[in-house]
Amino acid sequence: MRDLPTGTITLLFTDIEGSTHLLQQLGAHYAELLTECRDLLRAAFHTYHGHEVDTQGDAIFTAFARASDALSAAVAAQRKLALH
């Protein structure tokens, strides 16, 4: 069983906007981009104690015990992606 937070939690769902269009434009390179994106997101979420619940396509679903951690993780992820 995964060590997911209990009680009142905050859920964070990520999605790559325009991913279908990106896939059409990038072709085989899209898989590499998706892996890099997921690695950046997961690192940010892990830093703020996020627990990955599921992935589907390009989306990541993560649970946090504290809303402030989810917010900090989301901001950190956006910053990492902007710098990448």
C-alpha atoms as a PDB file:
ATOM      1  CA  MET A   1       0.000   0.000   0.000  1.00  0.00           C
ATOM      2  CA  ARG A   2       1.267   3.468  -0.861  1.00  0.00           C
ATOM      3  CA  ASP A   3       1.977   5.951   1.915  1.00  0.00           C
ATOM      4  CA  LEU A   4      -0.688   8.492   0.906  1.00  0.00           C
ATOM      5  CA  PRO A   5      -1.752  11.362   3.161  1.00  0.00           C
ATOM      6  CA  THR A   6      -5.021  10.981   5.056  1.00  0.00           C
ATOM      7  CA  GLY A   7      -7.584  13.384   6.477  1.00  0.00           C
ATOM      8  CA  THR A   8      -8.014  16.722   4.758  1.00  0.00           C
ATOM      9  CA  ILE A   9      -5.703  16.717   1.750  1.00  0.00           C
ATOM     10  CA  THR A  10      -5.009  18.834  -1.315  1.00  0.00           C
ATOM     11  CA  LEU A  11      -4.928  17.304  -4.775  1.00  0.00           C
ATOM     12  CA  LEU A  12      -2.817  18.675  -7.627  1.00  0.00           C
ATOM     13  CA  PHE A  13      -3.509  17.673 -11.218  1.00  0.00           C
ATOM     14  CA  THR A  14      -1.136  18.664 -14.019  1.00  0.00           C
ATOM     15  CA  ASP A  15      -1.737  18.612 -17.754  1.00  0.00           C
ATOM     16  CA  ILE A  16       0.339  19.748 -20.724  1.00  0.00           C
ATOM     17  CA  GLU A  17      -1.751  22.298 -22.576  1.00  0.00           C
ATOM     18  CA  GLY A  18      -1.845  21.544 -26.290  1.00  0.00           C
ATOM     19  CA  SER A  19      -0.179  18.150 -25.914  1.00  0.00           C
ATOM     20  CA  THR A  20      -1.937  16.696 -28.948  1.00  0.00           C
ATOM     21  CA  HIS A  21      -0.636  19.539 -31.091  1.00  0.00           C
ATOM     22  CA  LEU A  22       2.857  19.121 -29.604  1.00  0.00           C
ATOM     23  CA  LEU A  23       2.771  15.412 -30.402  1.00  0.00           C
ATOM     24  CA  GLN A  24       1.873  16.192 -34.008  1.00  0.00           C
ATOM     25  CA  GLN A  25       4.640  18.790 -34.279  1.00  0.00           C
ATOM     26  CA  LEU A  26       7.404  16.899 -32.482  1.00  0.00           C
ATOM     27  CA  GLY A  27       6.636  13.327 -33.480  1.00  0.00           C
ATOM     28  CA  ALA A  28       9.103  10.924 -31.888  1.00  0.00           C
ATOM     29  CA  HIS A  29      10.736  13.744 -29.888  1.00  0.00           C
ATOM     30  CA  TYR A  30       7.523  14.219 -27.896  1.00  0.00           C
ATOM     31  CA  ALA A  31       8.292  11.185 -25.726  1.00  0.00           C
ATOM     32  CA  GLU A  32      11.616  12.758 -24.700  1.00  0.00           C
ATOM     33  CA  LEU A  33       9.903  16.067 -23.907  1.00  0.00           C
ATOM     34  CA  LEU A  34       7.246  14.287 -21.848  1.00  0.00           C
ATOM     35  CA  THR A  35       9.893  12.417 -19.841  1.00  0.00           C
ATOM     36  CA  GLU A  36      11.799  15.640 -19.123  1.00  0.00           C
ATOM     37  CA  CYS A  37       8.598  17.415 -18.107  1.00  0.00           C
ATOM     38  CA  ARG A  38       7.542  14.599 -15.775  1.00  0.00           C
ATOM     39  CA  ASP A  39      11.007  14.484 -14.190  1.00  0.00           C
ATOM     40  CA  LEU A  40      10.898  18.237 -13.462  1.00  0.00           C
ATOM     41  CA  LEU A  41       7.372  18.040 -12.047  1.00  0.00           C
ATOM     42  CA  ARG A  42       8.081  14.993  -9.906  1.00  0.00           C
ATOM     43  CA  ALA A  43      11.194  16.606  -8.443  1.00  0.00           C
ATOM     44  CA  ALA A  44       9.209  19.693  -7.434  1.00  0.00           C
ATOM     45  CA  PHE A  45       6.377  17.616  -5.998  1.00  0.00           C
ATOM     46  CA  HIS A  46       8.779  15.389  -4.057  1.00  0.00           C
ATOM     47  CA  THR A  47      10.531  18.434  -2.567  1.00  0.00           C
ATOM     48  CA  TYR A  48       7.200  19.521  -1.069  1.00  0.00           C
ATOM     49  CA  HIS A  49       6.167  16.060   0.161  1.00  0.00           C
ATOM     50  CA  GLY A  50       3.785  15.208  -2.670  1.00  0.00           C
ATOM     51  CA  HIS A  51       2.566  11.648  -3.149  1.00  0.00           C
ATOM     52  CA  GLU A  52       1.952  10.629  -6.742  1.00  0.00           C
ATOM     53  CA  VAL A  53      -1.448   8.985  -7.049  1.00  0.00           C
ATOM     54  CA  ASP A  54      -1.657   8.312 -10.777  1.00  0.00           C
ATOM     55  CA  THR A  55      -0.534   9.317 -14.263  1.00  0.00           C
ATOM     56  CA  GLN A  56      -2.589   9.232 -17.427  1.00  0.00           C
ATOM     57  CA  GLY A  57      -1.184  10.370 -20.730  1.00  0.00           C
ATOM     58  CA  ASP A  58       0.693  13.580 -19.962  1.00  0.00           C
ATOM     59  CA  ALA A  59      -1.136  14.204 -16.673  1.00  0.00           C
ATOM     60  CA  ILE A  60       0.165  13.652 -13.142  1.00  0.00           C
ATOM     61  CA  PHE A  61      -2.190  13.418 -10.152  1.00  0.00           C
ATOM     62  CA  THR A  62      -0.503  14.167  -6.805  1.00  0.00           C
ATOM     63  CA  ALA A  63      -1.771  14.361  -3.199  1.00  0.00           C
ATOM     64  CA  PHE A  64      -0.398  16.653  -0.483  1.00  0.00           C
ATOM     65  CA  ALA A  65      -1.097  16.627   3.241  1.00  0.00           C
ATOM     66  CA  ARG A  66      -0.983  20.436   3.332  1.00  0.00           C
ATOM     67  CA  ALA A  67      -2.435  22.947   0.886  1.00  0.00           C
ATOM     68  CA  SER A  68       0.606  25.187   1.330  1.00  0.00           C
ATOM     69  CA  ASP A  69       2.873  22.347   0.162  1.00  0.00           C
ATOM     70  CA  ALA A  70       0.736  21.793  -2.936  1.00  0.00           C
ATOM     71  CA  LEU A  71       0.872  25.503  -3.744  1.00  0.00           C
ATOM     72  CA  SER A  72       4.631  25.676  -3.186  1.00  0.00           C
ATOM     73  CA  ALA A  73       5.107  22.584  -5.360  1.00  0.00           C
ATOM     74  CA  ALA A  74       2.998  24.070  -8.158  1.00  0.00           C
ATOM     75  CA  VAL A  75       4.953  27.340  -8.094  1.00  0.00           C
ATOM     76  CA  ALA A  76       8.293  25.497  -7.994  1.00  0.00           C
ATOM     77  CA  ALA A  77       7.216  23.309 -10.916  1.00  0.00           C
ATOM     78  CA  GLN A  78       6.202  26.334 -12.999  1.00  0.00           C
ATOM     79  CA  ARG A  79       9.529  28.003 -12.272  1.00  0.00           C
ATOM     80  CA  LYS A  80      11.509  24.877 -13.206  1.00  0.00           C
ATOM     81  CA  LEU A  81       9.575  24.525 -16.449  1.00  0.00           C
ATOM     82  CA  ALA A  82      10.059  28.208 -17.304  1.00  0.00           C
ATOM     83  CA  LEU A  83      13.819  27.885 -16.838  1.00  0.00           C
ATOM     84  CA  HIS A  84      14.110  24.631 -18.789  1.00  0.00           C
END
